[in-house]
C-alpha cells in the first residue's frame, strides 16, 4: 500500500467497526480530562482489547486514524493563525512582538529559508588543500615581506 491511496480506497480496506474504532480512538486522543482507557473503548465497540490492539497495528487503520487527526488539526488552522498574528503584534506577549513568531511567519510565507550545504570530506579537502609549490610560493612571499 503506497502513499498515494485515496480516502475512499482506504475506507474500503476497513470494516465499519474499524472505521468507528478509528473515529473513537482519535476523539479519545483529543479528549482532555474525559480520556477513556482502551478497555472502555473496546467494550463500547463490542470488541476485545486485543482486537483493538491488533487493529492499531494495521497500516490502513493507522493511515485512516492519521487522516482523521489531520482533519481535526486542520480545523484549528484559523485559531493558530490568529494566535500567530497576536504574537507578531505583541498583543499576547506583554506588548512585545515575538521574534520566533516573526521567523515562523516568514518561513510560512516562503520568505525565509534555512539553507545548509552538505559537502563531502573529499570536497572540503579539495577546497582547502594547496600544492607544495603553492605553499612554497606563499612562504617565499612572506619571507620577502619580512626582509
N, C-alpha and C. Protein backbone atom coordinates (compact mmCIF):
# COMPACT_ATOMS: atom_id res chain seq x y z
N UNK A 1 0.85 -1.18 0.00
CA UNK A 1 0.00 0.00 0.00
C UNK A 1 0.89 1.23 0.00
N UNK A 2 0.84 2.05 -1.04
CA UNK A 2 1.67 3.24 -1.16
C UNK A 2 1.04 4.44 -0.50
N UNK A 3 1.72 5.57 -0.60
CA UNK A 3 1.23 6.81 -0.01
C UNK A 3 0.15 7.47 -0.85
N UNK A 4 -0.07 6.96 -2.05
CA UNK A 4 -0.99 7.60 -2.98
C UNK A 4 -2.42 7.07 -2.87
N UNK A 5 -2.74 6.36 -1.82
CA UNK A 5 -4.07 5.78 -1.66
C UNK A 5 -5.08 6.88 -1.34
N UNK A 6 -6.26 6.78 -1.94
CA UNK A 6 -7.30 7.78 -1.69
C UNK A 6 -8.06 7.42 -0.41
N UNK A 7 -8.81 8.37 0.09
CA UNK A 7 -9.59 8.14 1.29
C UNK A 7 -10.63 7.05 1.07
N UNK A 8 -11.29 7.07 -0.07
CA UNK A 8 -12.31 6.04 -0.32
C UNK A 8 -11.67 4.66 -0.44
N UNK A 9 -10.48 4.58 -1.04
CA UNK A 9 -9.77 3.29 -1.11
C UNK A 9 -9.37 2.83 0.29
N UNK A 10 -8.95 3.76 1.11
CA UNK A 10 -8.56 3.45 2.48
C UNK A 10 -9.75 2.92 3.27
N UNK A 11 -10.88 3.61 3.15
CA UNK A 11 -12.09 3.19 3.85
C UNK A 11 -12.54 1.80 3.39
N UNK A 12 -12.33 1.50 2.10
CA UNK A 12 -12.74 0.20 1.56
C UNK A 12 -11.93 -0.94 2.17
N UNK A 13 -10.74 -0.64 2.68
CA UNK A 13 -9.89 -1.66 3.29
C UNK A 13 -10.28 -1.96 4.73
N UNK A 14 -11.17 -1.16 5.30
CA UNK A 14 -11.54 -1.29 6.70
C UNK A 14 -13.02 -1.64 6.85
N UNK A 15 -13.33 -2.33 7.92
CA UNK A 15 -14.72 -2.65 8.21
C UNK A 15 -15.40 -1.43 8.83
N UNK A 16 -16.71 -1.46 8.87
CA UNK A 16 -17.46 -0.38 9.51
C UNK A 16 -17.05 -0.24 10.97
N UNK A 17 -16.84 -1.37 11.63
CA UNK A 17 -16.43 -1.36 13.04
C UNK A 17 -15.02 -0.76 13.20
N UNK A 18 -14.13 -1.04 12.26
CA UNK A 18 -12.78 -0.45 12.32
C UNK A 18 -12.84 1.06 12.10
N UNK A 19 -13.69 1.49 11.18
CA UNK A 19 -13.84 2.93 10.94
C UNK A 19 -14.35 3.63 12.20
N UNK A 20 -15.34 3.00 12.85
CA UNK A 20 -15.90 3.55 14.09
C UNK A 20 -14.83 3.56 15.18
N UNK A 21 -14.03 2.50 15.25
CA UNK A 21 -12.97 2.43 16.25
C UNK A 21 -11.94 3.53 16.03
N UNK A 22 -11.59 3.77 14.77
CA UNK A 22 -10.62 4.83 14.45
C UNK A 22 -11.16 6.19 14.89
N UNK A 23 -12.42 6.47 14.57
CA UNK A 23 -13.04 7.73 14.98
C UNK A 23 -13.01 7.87 16.50
N UNK A 24 -13.35 6.80 17.19
CA UNK A 24 -13.40 6.82 18.65
C UNK A 24 -12.01 7.02 19.26
N UNK A 25 -11.02 6.31 18.73
CA UNK A 25 -9.65 6.44 19.26
C UNK A 25 -9.10 7.85 19.06
N UNK A 26 -9.29 8.41 17.88
CA UNK A 26 -8.77 9.76 17.63
C UNK A 26 -9.50 10.78 18.50
N UNK A 27 -10.82 10.64 18.63
CA UNK A 27 -11.57 11.55 19.51
C UNK A 27 -11.05 11.42 20.94
N UNK A 28 -10.75 10.20 21.35
CA UNK A 28 -10.21 9.98 22.71
C UNK A 28 -8.84 10.64 22.87
N UNK A 29 -8.01 10.57 21.82
CA UNK A 29 -6.69 11.21 21.87
C UNK A 29 -6.80 12.72 22.03
N UNK A 30 -7.84 13.30 21.43
CA UNK A 30 -8.04 14.75 21.53
C UNK A 30 -8.75 15.15 22.82
N UNK A 31 -9.37 14.17 23.49
CA UNK A 31 -10.07 14.46 24.74
C UNK A 31 -9.04 14.89 25.78
N UNK A 32 -9.48 15.69 26.71
CA UNK A 32 -8.54 16.12 27.73
C UNK A 32 -8.81 15.37 29.03
N UNK A 33 -9.68 15.84 29.84
CA UNK A 33 -9.95 15.19 31.12
C UNK A 33 -10.84 13.96 30.96
N UNK A 34 -11.57 13.88 29.87
CA UNK A 34 -12.53 12.79 29.69
C UNK A 34 -11.93 11.59 28.97
N UNK A 35 -10.62 11.46 28.93
CA UNK A 35 -9.98 10.33 28.23
C UNK A 35 -10.43 9.01 28.81
N UNK A 36 -10.64 8.04 27.91
CA UNK A 36 -11.06 6.71 28.34
C UNK A 36 -9.94 5.71 28.07
N UNK A 37 -9.97 4.61 28.77
CA UNK A 37 -8.97 3.56 28.58
C UNK A 37 -9.33 2.75 27.33
N UNK A 38 -8.35 2.01 26.83
CA UNK A 38 -8.61 1.13 25.68
C UNK A 38 -9.64 0.07 26.06
N UNK A 39 -9.64 -0.35 27.31
CA UNK A 39 -10.62 -1.33 27.77
C UNK A 39 -12.04 -0.77 27.62
N UNK A 40 -12.23 0.48 28.04
CA UNK A 40 -13.54 1.12 27.94
C UNK A 40 -13.96 1.29 26.48
N UNK A 41 -13.00 1.69 25.65
CA UNK A 41 -13.32 1.88 24.23
C UNK A 41 -13.67 0.55 23.57
N UNK A 42 -12.88 -0.48 23.87
CA UNK A 42 -13.15 -1.81 23.30
C UNK A 42 -14.52 -2.30 23.72
N UNK A 43 -14.86 -2.11 24.99
CA UNK A 43 -16.18 -2.54 25.48
C UNK A 43 -17.29 -1.80 24.76
N UNK A 44 -17.12 -0.49 24.59
CA UNK A 44 -18.13 0.31 23.88
C UNK A 44 -18.33 -0.19 22.45
N UNK A 45 -17.23 -0.60 21.81
CA UNK A 45 -17.29 -1.06 20.42
C UNK A 45 -17.71 -2.52 20.31
N UNK A 46 -17.75 -3.21 21.43
CA UNK A 46 -18.13 -4.62 21.42
C UNK A 46 -17.03 -5.54 20.90
N UNK A 47 -15.78 -5.17 21.16
CA UNK A 47 -14.63 -5.97 20.74
C UNK A 47 -13.70 -6.17 21.93
N UNK A 48 -12.73 -7.02 21.75
CA UNK A 48 -11.74 -7.22 22.83
C UNK A 48 -10.64 -6.17 22.71
N UNK A 49 -9.94 -5.96 23.81
CA UNK A 49 -8.80 -5.04 23.81
C UNK A 49 -7.74 -5.55 22.84
N UNK A 50 -7.59 -6.88 22.79
CA UNK A 50 -6.61 -7.49 21.88
C UNK A 50 -6.94 -7.16 20.42
N UNK A 51 -8.22 -7.21 20.07
CA UNK A 51 -8.64 -6.86 18.71
C UNK A 51 -8.32 -5.39 18.43
N UNK A 52 -8.61 -4.54 19.38
CA UNK A 52 -8.31 -3.12 19.23
C UNK A 52 -6.81 -2.91 19.02
N UNK A 53 -6.01 -3.61 19.82
CA UNK A 53 -4.56 -3.52 19.69
C UNK A 53 -4.13 -4.00 18.30
N UNK A 54 -4.69 -5.10 17.85
CA UNK A 54 -4.36 -5.66 16.53
C UNK A 54 -4.71 -4.66 15.42
N UNK A 55 -5.86 -4.04 15.52
CA UNK A 55 -6.26 -3.04 14.52
C UNK A 55 -5.29 -1.86 14.52
N UNK A 56 -4.81 -1.49 15.70
CA UNK A 56 -3.89 -0.35 15.80
C UNK A 56 -2.55 -0.65 15.16
N UNK A 57 -2.27 -1.88 14.78
CA UNK A 57 -1.05 -2.27 14.08
C UNK A 57 -1.27 -2.35 12.57
N UNK A 58 -2.52 -2.27 12.14
CA UNK A 58 -2.90 -2.38 10.73
C UNK A 58 -2.58 -1.07 9.99
N UNK A 59 -1.82 -1.15 8.90
CA UNK A 59 -1.39 0.07 8.19
C UNK A 59 -2.56 0.91 7.67
N UNK A 60 -3.61 0.25 7.15
CA UNK A 60 -4.77 1.00 6.66
C UNK A 60 -5.45 1.72 7.83
N UNK A 61 -5.55 1.04 8.95
CA UNK A 61 -6.16 1.63 10.15
C UNK A 61 -5.35 2.82 10.63
N UNK A 62 -4.03 2.66 10.67
CA UNK A 62 -3.13 3.74 11.09
C UNK A 62 -3.29 4.95 10.17
N UNK A 63 -3.30 4.69 8.86
CA UNK A 63 -3.43 5.81 7.91
C UNK A 63 -4.79 6.50 8.03
N UNK A 64 -5.84 5.72 8.29
CA UNK A 64 -7.16 6.32 8.45
C UNK A 64 -7.20 7.17 9.72
N UNK A 65 -6.61 6.68 10.81
CA UNK A 65 -6.53 7.47 12.04
C UNK A 65 -5.77 8.78 11.79
N UNK A 66 -4.68 8.68 11.02
CA UNK A 66 -3.90 9.88 10.70
C UNK A 66 -4.73 10.87 9.89
N UNK A 67 -5.54 10.36 8.95
CA UNK A 67 -6.41 11.24 8.16
C UNK A 67 -7.39 11.98 9.07
N UNK A 68 -8.01 11.25 9.99
CA UNK A 68 -8.96 11.87 10.91
C UNK A 68 -8.27 12.93 11.75
N UNK A 69 -7.09 12.60 12.26
CA UNK A 69 -6.35 13.54 13.10
C UNK A 69 -5.92 14.77 12.30
N UNK A 70 -5.47 14.57 11.06
CA UNK A 70 -5.08 15.71 10.21
C UNK A 70 -6.28 16.62 9.97
N UNK A 71 -7.43 16.04 9.74
CA UNK A 71 -8.65 16.83 9.52
C UNK A 71 -8.99 17.63 10.77
N UNK A 72 -8.87 16.98 11.92
CA UNK A 72 -9.14 17.67 13.19
C UNK A 72 -8.14 18.81 13.39
N UNK A 73 -6.88 18.54 13.13
CA UNK A 73 -5.85 19.57 13.27
C UNK A 73 -6.10 20.74 12.31
N UNK A 74 -6.48 20.41 11.08
CA UNK A 74 -6.77 21.46 10.09
C UNK A 74 -7.88 22.39 10.56
N UNK A 75 -8.80 21.88 11.37
CA UNK A 75 -9.90 22.71 11.84
C UNK A 75 -9.42 23.80 12.81
N UNK A 76 -8.20 23.66 13.32
CA UNK A 76 -7.62 24.66 14.22
C UNK A 76 -6.74 25.67 13.49
N UNK A 77 -6.68 25.59 12.19
CA UNK A 77 -5.78 26.45 11.41
C UNK A 77 -6.04 27.94 11.67
N UNK A 78 -7.30 28.34 11.62
CA UNK A 78 -7.59 29.77 11.81
C UNK A 78 -7.24 30.22 13.22
N UNK A 79 -7.44 29.35 14.19
CA UNK A 79 -7.07 29.67 15.58
C UNK A 79 -5.55 29.85 15.70
N UNK A 80 -4.80 28.93 15.09
CA UNK A 80 -3.33 29.02 15.12
C UNK A 80 -2.85 30.28 14.40
N UNK A 81 -3.45 30.57 13.25
CA UNK A 81 -3.07 31.77 12.51
C UNK A 81 -3.37 33.03 13.32
N UNK A 82 -4.51 33.06 13.98
CA UNK A 82 -4.88 34.22 14.79
C UNK A 82 -3.89 34.39 15.96
N UNK A 83 -3.50 33.28 16.58
CA UNK A 83 -2.52 33.36 17.68
C UNK A 83 -1.17 33.85 17.16
N UNK A 84 -0.78 33.38 15.98
CA UNK A 84 0.48 33.83 15.38
C UNK A 84 0.45 35.35 15.17
N UNK A 85 -0.65 35.86 14.68
CA UNK A 85 -0.78 37.31 14.47
C UNK A 85 -0.69 38.05 15.80
N UNK A 86 -1.34 37.53 16.84
CA UNK A 86 -1.26 38.18 18.16
C UNK A 86 0.18 38.20 18.67
N UNK A 87 0.91 37.12 18.43
CA UNK A 87 2.32 37.08 18.86
C UNK A 87 3.17 38.07 18.07
N UNK A 88 2.88 38.19 16.78
CA UNK A 88 3.61 39.15 15.95
C UNK A 88 3.33 40.58 16.40
N UNK A 89 2.06 40.86 16.69
CA UNK A 89 1.67 42.19 17.13
C UNK A 89 2.10 42.49 18.57
N UNK A 90 2.35 41.45 19.33
CA UNK A 90 2.73 41.63 20.72
C UNK A 90 1.55 41.75 21.65
N UNK A 91 0.34 41.54 21.14
CA UNK A 91 -0.85 41.69 21.98
C UNK A 91 -1.04 40.52 22.94
N UNK A 92 -0.35 39.40 22.71
CA UNK A 92 -0.49 38.28 23.66
C UNK A 92 0.83 37.98 24.35
N UNK A 93 1.77 38.91 24.26
CA UNK A 93 3.10 38.66 24.81
C UNK A 93 3.59 39.91 25.55
N UNK A 94 2.76 40.43 26.45
CA UNK A 94 3.13 41.62 27.24
C UNK A 94 3.52 42.81 26.38
N UNK A 95 2.93 42.94 25.22
CA UNK A 95 3.20 44.08 24.37
C UNK A 95 4.45 43.96 23.52
N UNK A 96 5.14 42.84 23.61
CA UNK A 96 6.37 42.63 22.84
C UNK A 96 6.13 41.61 21.74
N UNK A 97 6.55 41.97 20.55
CA UNK A 97 6.44 41.01 19.44
C UNK A 97 7.42 39.87 19.69
N UNK A 98 7.02 38.68 19.32
CA UNK A 98 7.87 37.51 19.48
C UNK A 98 8.72 37.34 18.22
N UNK A 99 10.03 37.30 18.41
CA UNK A 99 10.94 37.12 17.28
C UNK A 99 10.70 35.76 16.63
N UNK A 100 10.44 34.73 17.45
CA UNK A 100 10.19 33.40 16.90
C UNK A 100 8.93 33.40 16.04
N UNK A 101 7.93 34.17 16.44
CA UNK A 101 6.70 34.21 15.65
C UNK A 101 6.96 34.92 14.32
N UNK A 102 7.80 35.95 14.33
CA UNK A 102 8.16 36.61 13.08
C UNK A 102 8.92 35.66 12.17
N UNK A 103 9.84 34.89 12.74
CA UNK A 103 10.59 33.90 11.97
C UNK A 103 9.65 32.86 11.37
N UNK A 104 8.71 32.36 12.18
CA UNK A 104 7.74 31.38 11.69
C UNK A 104 6.89 31.96 10.57
N UNK A 105 6.45 33.20 10.75
CA UNK A 105 5.64 33.85 9.71
C UNK A 105 6.38 33.89 8.38
N UNK A 106 7.63 34.34 8.42
CA UNK A 106 8.39 34.43 7.18
C UNK A 106 8.69 33.07 6.58
N UNK A 107 8.89 32.06 7.42
CA UNK A 107 9.08 30.70 6.90
C UNK A 107 7.80 30.21 6.22
N UNK A 108 6.66 30.44 6.87
CA UNK A 108 5.38 30.02 6.29
C UNK A 108 5.11 30.74 4.98
N UNK A 109 5.54 32.00 4.91
CA UNK A 109 5.32 32.80 3.70
C UNK A 109 6.34 32.48 2.60
N UNK A 110 7.34 31.66 2.94
CA UNK A 110 8.35 31.28 1.96
C UNK A 110 9.42 32.34 1.76
N UNK A 111 9.46 33.31 2.63
CA UNK A 111 10.43 34.40 2.50
C UNK A 111 11.71 34.13 3.28
N UNK A 112 11.70 33.11 4.15
CA UNK A 112 12.86 32.77 4.94
C UNK A 112 13.08 31.27 4.81
N UNK A 113 14.24 30.93 4.32
CA UNK A 113 14.53 29.51 4.08
C UNK A 113 15.86 29.18 4.75
N UNK A 114 15.87 28.11 5.52
CA UNK A 114 17.13 27.63 6.08
C UNK A 114 17.91 26.98 4.96
N UNK A 115 19.13 27.40 4.78
CA UNK A 115 19.97 26.81 3.74
C UNK A 115 21.17 26.17 4.38
N UNK A 116 21.36 24.93 4.05
CA UNK A 116 22.53 24.21 4.54
C UNK A 116 23.11 23.47 3.36
N UNK A 117 24.41 23.48 3.31
CA UNK A 117 25.10 22.80 2.21
C UNK A 117 25.80 21.58 2.77
N UNK A 118 25.52 20.45 2.14
CA UNK A 118 26.18 19.22 2.55
C UNK A 118 27.38 19.03 1.63
N UNK A 119 28.55 18.95 2.24
CA UNK A 119 29.79 18.84 1.48
C UNK A 119 30.54 17.61 1.98
N UNK A 120 31.02 16.81 1.04
CA UNK A 120 31.77 15.62 1.45
C UNK A 120 33.15 16.03 1.95
N UNK A 121 33.76 15.15 2.72
CA UNK A 121 35.10 15.40 3.24
C UNK A 121 36.10 15.56 2.10
N UNK A 122 35.91 14.80 1.03
CA UNK A 122 36.81 14.90 -0.13
C UNK A 122 36.72 16.29 -0.75
N UNK A 123 35.49 16.85 -0.81
CA UNK A 123 35.32 18.19 -1.37
C UNK A 123 35.99 19.23 -0.49
N UNK A 124 35.87 19.06 0.83
CA UNK A 124 36.50 20.00 1.76
C UNK A 124 38.00 19.96 1.59
N UNK A 125 38.55 18.75 1.52
CA UNK A 125 40.00 18.60 1.33
C UNK A 125 40.45 19.22 0.02
N UNK A 126 39.63 19.04 -1.02
CA UNK A 126 39.97 19.59 -2.33
C UNK A 126 39.99 21.12 -2.29
N UNK A 127 39.04 21.70 -1.55
CA UNK A 127 38.93 23.15 -1.47
C UNK A 127 40.07 23.77 -0.66
N UNK A 128 40.45 23.12 0.42
CA UNK A 128 41.41 23.74 1.34
C UNK A 128 42.84 23.28 1.11
N UNK A 129 43.04 22.26 0.36
CA UNK A 129 44.39 21.71 0.15
C UNK A 129 45.11 22.49 -0.95
N UNK A 130 46.33 22.88 -0.66
CA UNK A 130 47.14 23.56 -1.68
C UNK A 130 48.35 22.69 -1.98
N UNK A 131 48.86 22.88 -3.15
CA UNK A 131 50.02 22.06 -3.55
C UNK A 131 51.27 22.53 -2.82
N UNK A 132 52.29 21.68 -2.86
CA UNK A 132 53.58 22.03 -2.23
C UNK A 132 54.18 23.27 -2.88
N UNK A 133 54.03 23.38 -4.21
CA UNK A 133 54.57 24.55 -4.93
C UNK A 133 53.86 25.82 -4.48
N UNK A 134 52.51 25.76 -4.32
CA UNK A 134 51.76 26.93 -3.86
C UNK A 134 52.17 27.31 -2.44
N UNK A 135 52.39 26.32 -1.61
CA UNK A 135 52.82 26.58 -0.24
C UNK A 135 54.19 27.25 -0.22
N UNK A 136 55.12 26.74 -1.01
CA UNK A 136 56.47 27.31 -1.06
C UNK A 136 56.42 28.73 -1.59
N UNK A 137 55.56 28.96 -2.59
CA UNK A 137 55.43 30.31 -3.15
C UNK A 137 54.92 31.28 -2.09
N UNK A 138 53.91 30.83 -1.31
CA UNK A 138 53.36 31.67 -0.24
C UNK A 138 54.40 31.97 0.82
N UNK A 139 55.19 30.95 1.19
CA UNK A 139 56.25 31.15 2.18
C UNK A 139 57.31 32.12 1.67
N UNK A 140 57.67 31.98 0.40
CA UNK A 140 58.66 32.90 -0.20
C UNK A 140 58.15 34.34 -0.17
N UNK A 141 56.86 34.53 -0.47
CA UNK A 141 56.27 35.86 -0.46
C UNK A 141 56.29 36.44 0.97
N UNK A 142 55.99 35.64 1.94
CA UNK A 142 56.04 36.09 3.35
C UNK A 142 57.45 36.47 3.76
N UNK A 143 58.43 35.65 3.35
CA UNK A 143 59.83 35.95 3.67
C UNK A 143 60.27 37.27 3.02
N UNK A 144 59.85 37.48 1.78
CA UNK A 144 60.18 38.72 1.08
C UNK A 144 59.63 39.92 1.82
N UNK A 145 58.38 39.78 2.35
CA UNK A 145 57.75 40.89 3.06
C UNK A 145 58.47 41.17 4.37
N UNK A 146 58.95 40.12 5.02
CA UNK A 146 59.63 40.31 6.30
C UNK A 146 61.03 40.88 6.13
N UNK A 147 61.67 40.66 5.01
CA UNK A 147 63.04 41.15 4.80
C UNK A 147 63.09 42.52 4.22
